[in-house]
Amino acid sequence: MSIASQLQALRILMPVMWMLFAVMASAVAVVYSKHAARTEFIALQSLEQERDTLNEGWGRLLLEQSTWASPSHVEQQAIKRLHMIVPTADMTVVIR
């Protein structure tokens, strides 16, 4: 084979090699991006589950707070712990 025919073959083969390299690089990039997307999706699901758990806890805390702060509960605790009573009319003194 002469040098001219080798150069001609190289001119034909070189674009094919570049395209093959580009296709391989693109395939690797697709696999990597798919893997990264799956990893991020798993992390997202984990965070959403944590958010839901925290929201449930927050709801329980709000319910507990409303129970402890209800007027009837406060009155019961004042009577029970502090021995307070609701004053009667004759216990009331009006100051002028």
C-alpha atoms as a PDB file:
ATOM      1  CA  MET A   1       0.000   0.000   0.000  1.00  0.00           C
ATOM      2  CA  SER A   2       1.258   3.381  -0.877  1.00  0.00           C
ATOM      3  CA  ILE A   3       1.388   6.373   1.423  1.00  0.00           C
ATOM      4  CA  ALA A   4      -1.306   8.131  -0.618  1.00  0.00           C
ATOM      5  CA  SER A   5      -3.723   5.233  -0.226  1.00  0.00           C
ATOM      6  CA  GLN A   6      -2.925   5.035   3.503  1.00  0.00           C
ATOM      7  CA  LEU A   7      -3.668   8.767   3.867  1.00  0.00           C
ATOM      8  CA  GLN A   8      -6.895   8.292   1.929  1.00  0.00           C
ATOM      9  CA  ALA A   9      -7.928   5.423   4.234  1.00  0.00           C
ATOM     10  CA  LEU A  10      -6.978   7.522   7.275  1.00  0.00           C
ATOM     11  CA  ARG A  11      -9.095  10.439   6.004  1.00  0.00           C
ATOM     12  CA  ILE A  12     -12.079   8.115   5.721  1.00  0.00           C
ATOM     13  CA  LEU A  13     -11.412   6.304   8.994  1.00  0.00           C
ATOM     14  CA  MET A  14     -10.744   9.381  11.168  1.00  0.00           C
ATOM     15  CA  PRO A  15     -14.310  10.863  11.075  1.00  0.00           C
ATOM     16  CA  VAL A  16     -15.714   7.390  11.778  1.00  0.00           C
ATOM     17  CA  MET A  17     -13.415   7.071  14.811  1.00  0.00           C
ATOM     18  CA  TRP A  18     -14.451  10.525  16.078  1.00  0.00           C
ATOM     19  CA  MET A  19     -18.114   9.629  15.692  1.00  0.00           C
ATOM     20  CA  LEU A  20     -17.568   6.330  17.482  1.00  0.00           C
ATOM     21  CA  PHE A  21     -15.847   8.199  20.316  1.00  0.00           C
ATOM     22  CA  ALA A  22     -18.693  10.741  20.463  1.00  0.00           C
ATOM     23  CA  VAL A  23     -21.322   7.975  20.577  1.00  0.00           C
ATOM     24  CA  MET A  24     -19.442   6.182  23.369  1.00  0.00           C
ATOM     25  CA  ALA A  25     -19.008   9.393  25.362  1.00  0.00           C
ATOM     26  CA  SER A  26     -22.692  10.175  24.907  1.00  0.00           C
ATOM     27  CA  ALA A  27     -23.660   6.684  26.083  1.00  0.00           C
ATOM     28  CA  VAL A  28     -21.510   7.014  29.205  1.00  0.00           C
ATOM     29  CA  ALA A  29     -23.025  10.443  29.898  1.00  0.00           C
ATOM     30  CA  VAL A  30     -26.564   9.036  29.578  1.00  0.00           C
ATOM     31  CA  VAL A  31     -25.797   6.194  31.994  1.00  0.00           C
ATOM     32  CA  TYR A  32     -24.188   8.593  34.478  1.00  0.00           C
ATOM     33  CA  SER A  33     -27.068  11.080  34.323  1.00  0.00           C
ATOM     34  CA  LYS A  34     -29.630   8.288  34.737  1.00  0.00           C
ATOM     35  CA  HIS A  35     -27.762   6.999  37.792  1.00  0.00           C
ATOM     36  CA  ALA A  36     -27.538  10.502  39.269  1.00  0.00           C
ATOM     37  CA  ALA A  37     -31.262  11.066  38.676  1.00  0.00           C
ATOM     38  CA  ARG A  38     -32.147   7.805  40.433  1.00  0.00           C
ATOM     39  CA  THR A  39     -29.877   8.651  43.361  1.00  0.00           C
ATOM     40  CA  GLU A  40     -31.449  12.096  43.718  1.00  0.00           C
ATOM     41  CA  PHE A  41     -34.949  10.621  43.445  1.00  0.00           C
ATOM     42  CA  ILE A  42     -34.190   8.196  46.278  1.00  0.00           C
ATOM     43  CA  ALA A  43     -32.925  11.105  48.395  1.00  0.00           C
ATOM     44  CA  LEU A  44     -36.080  13.074  47.541  1.00  0.00           C
ATOM     45  CA  GLN A  45     -38.314  10.192  48.641  1.00  0.00           C
ATOM     46  CA  SER A  46     -36.403   9.913  51.901  1.00  0.00           C
ATOM     47  CA  LEU A  47     -36.810  13.635  52.582  1.00  0.00           C
ATOM     48  CA  GLU A  48     -40.516  13.515  51.734  1.00  0.00           C
ATOM     49  CA  GLN A  49     -40.985  10.632  54.162  1.00  0.00           C
ATOM     50  CA  GLU A  50     -39.144  12.600  56.855  1.00  0.00           C
ATOM     51  CA  ARG A  51     -41.342  15.643  56.114  1.00  0.00           C
ATOM     52  CA  ASP A  52     -44.484  13.549  56.475  1.00  0.00           C
ATOM     53  CA  THR A  53     -43.267  12.123  59.788  1.00  0.00           C
ATOM     54  CA  LEU A  54     -42.479  15.605  61.080  1.00  0.00           C
ATOM     55  CA  ASN A  55     -45.895  16.888  59.957  1.00  0.00           C
ATOM     56  CA  GLU A  56     -47.587  14.055  61.867  1.00  0.00           C
ATOM     57  CA  GLY A  57     -45.602  14.928  64.978  1.00  0.00           C
ATOM     58  CA  TRP A  58     -46.439  18.605  64.575  1.00  0.00           C
ATOM     59  CA  GLY A  59     -50.137  17.781  64.311  1.00  0.00           C
ATOM     60  CA  ARG A  60     -49.958  15.695  67.500  1.00  0.00           C
ATOM     61  CA  LEU A  61     -48.193  18.541  69.296  1.00  0.00           C
ATOM     62  CA  LEU A  62     -50.826  21.054  68.197  1.00  0.00           C
ATOM     63  CA  LEU A  63     -53.565  18.746  69.418  1.00  0.00           C
ATOM     64  CA  GLU A  64     -51.810  18.280  72.758  1.00  0.00           C
ATOM     65  CA  GLN A  65     -51.311  22.037  73.102  1.00  0.00           C
ATOM     66  CA  SER A  66     -54.983  22.730  72.442  1.00  0.00           C
ATOM     67  CA  THR A  67     -55.921  20.084  75.020  1.00  0.00           C
ATOM     68  CA  TRP A  68     -53.656  21.502  77.735  1.00  0.00           C
ATOM     69  CA  ALA A  69     -54.681  25.095  76.999  1.00  0.00           C
ATOM     70  CA  SER A  70     -58.433  24.528  77.023  1.00  0.00           C
ATOM     71  CA  PRO A  71     -60.270  26.650  79.622  1.00  0.00           C
ATOM     72  CA  SER A  72     -61.813  23.612  81.323  1.00  0.00           C
ATOM     73  CA  HIS A  73     -58.416  21.974  81.770  1.00  0.00           C
ATOM     74  CA  VAL A  74     -56.898  25.183  83.168  1.00  0.00           C
ATOM     75  CA  GLU A  75     -59.835  25.525  85.582  1.00  0.00           C
ATOM     76  CA  GLN A  76     -59.476  21.910  86.721  1.00  0.00           C
ATOM     77  CA  GLN A  77     -55.764  22.357  87.350  1.00  0.00           C
ATOM     78  CA  ALA A  78     -56.345  25.626  89.255  1.00  0.00           C
ATOM     79  CA  ILE A  79     -58.838  23.898  91.543  1.00  0.00           C
ATOM     80  CA  LYS A  80     -56.785  20.715  91.953  1.00  0.00           C
ATOM     81  CA  ARG A  81     -53.231  22.039  92.273  1.00  0.00           C
ATOM     82  CA  LEU A  82     -53.668  25.581  93.563  1.00  0.00           C
ATOM     83  CA  HIS A  83     -56.835  24.958  95.595  1.00  0.00           C
ATOM     84  CA  MET A  84     -58.525  27.922  93.933  1.00  0.00           C
ATOM     85  CA  ILE A  85     -62.296  28.357  93.875  1.00  0.00           C
ATOM     86  CA  VAL A  86     -64.714  30.484  91.904  1.00  0.00           C
ATOM     87  CA  PRO A  87     -65.710  33.333  94.273  1.00  0.00           C
ATOM     88  CA  THR A  88     -69.348  33.582  95.301  1.00  0.00           C
ATOM     89  CA  ALA A  89     -71.314  36.842  95.360  1.00  0.00           C
ATOM     90  CA  ASP A  90     -70.827  37.352  99.108  1.00  0.00           C
ATOM     91  CA  MET A  91     -67.031  36.855  98.684  1.00  0.00           C
ATOM     92  CA  THR A  92     -66.869  39.650  96.129  1.00  0.00           C
ATOM     93  CA  VAL A  93     -65.883  43.081  97.469  1.00  0.00           C
ATOM     94  CA  VAL A  94     -66.501  46.197  95.388  1.00  0.00           C
ATOM     95  CA  ILE A  95     -64.012  49.003  95.985  1.00  0.00           C
ATOM     96  CA  ARG A  96     -65.082  52.543  95.095  1.00  0.00           C
END
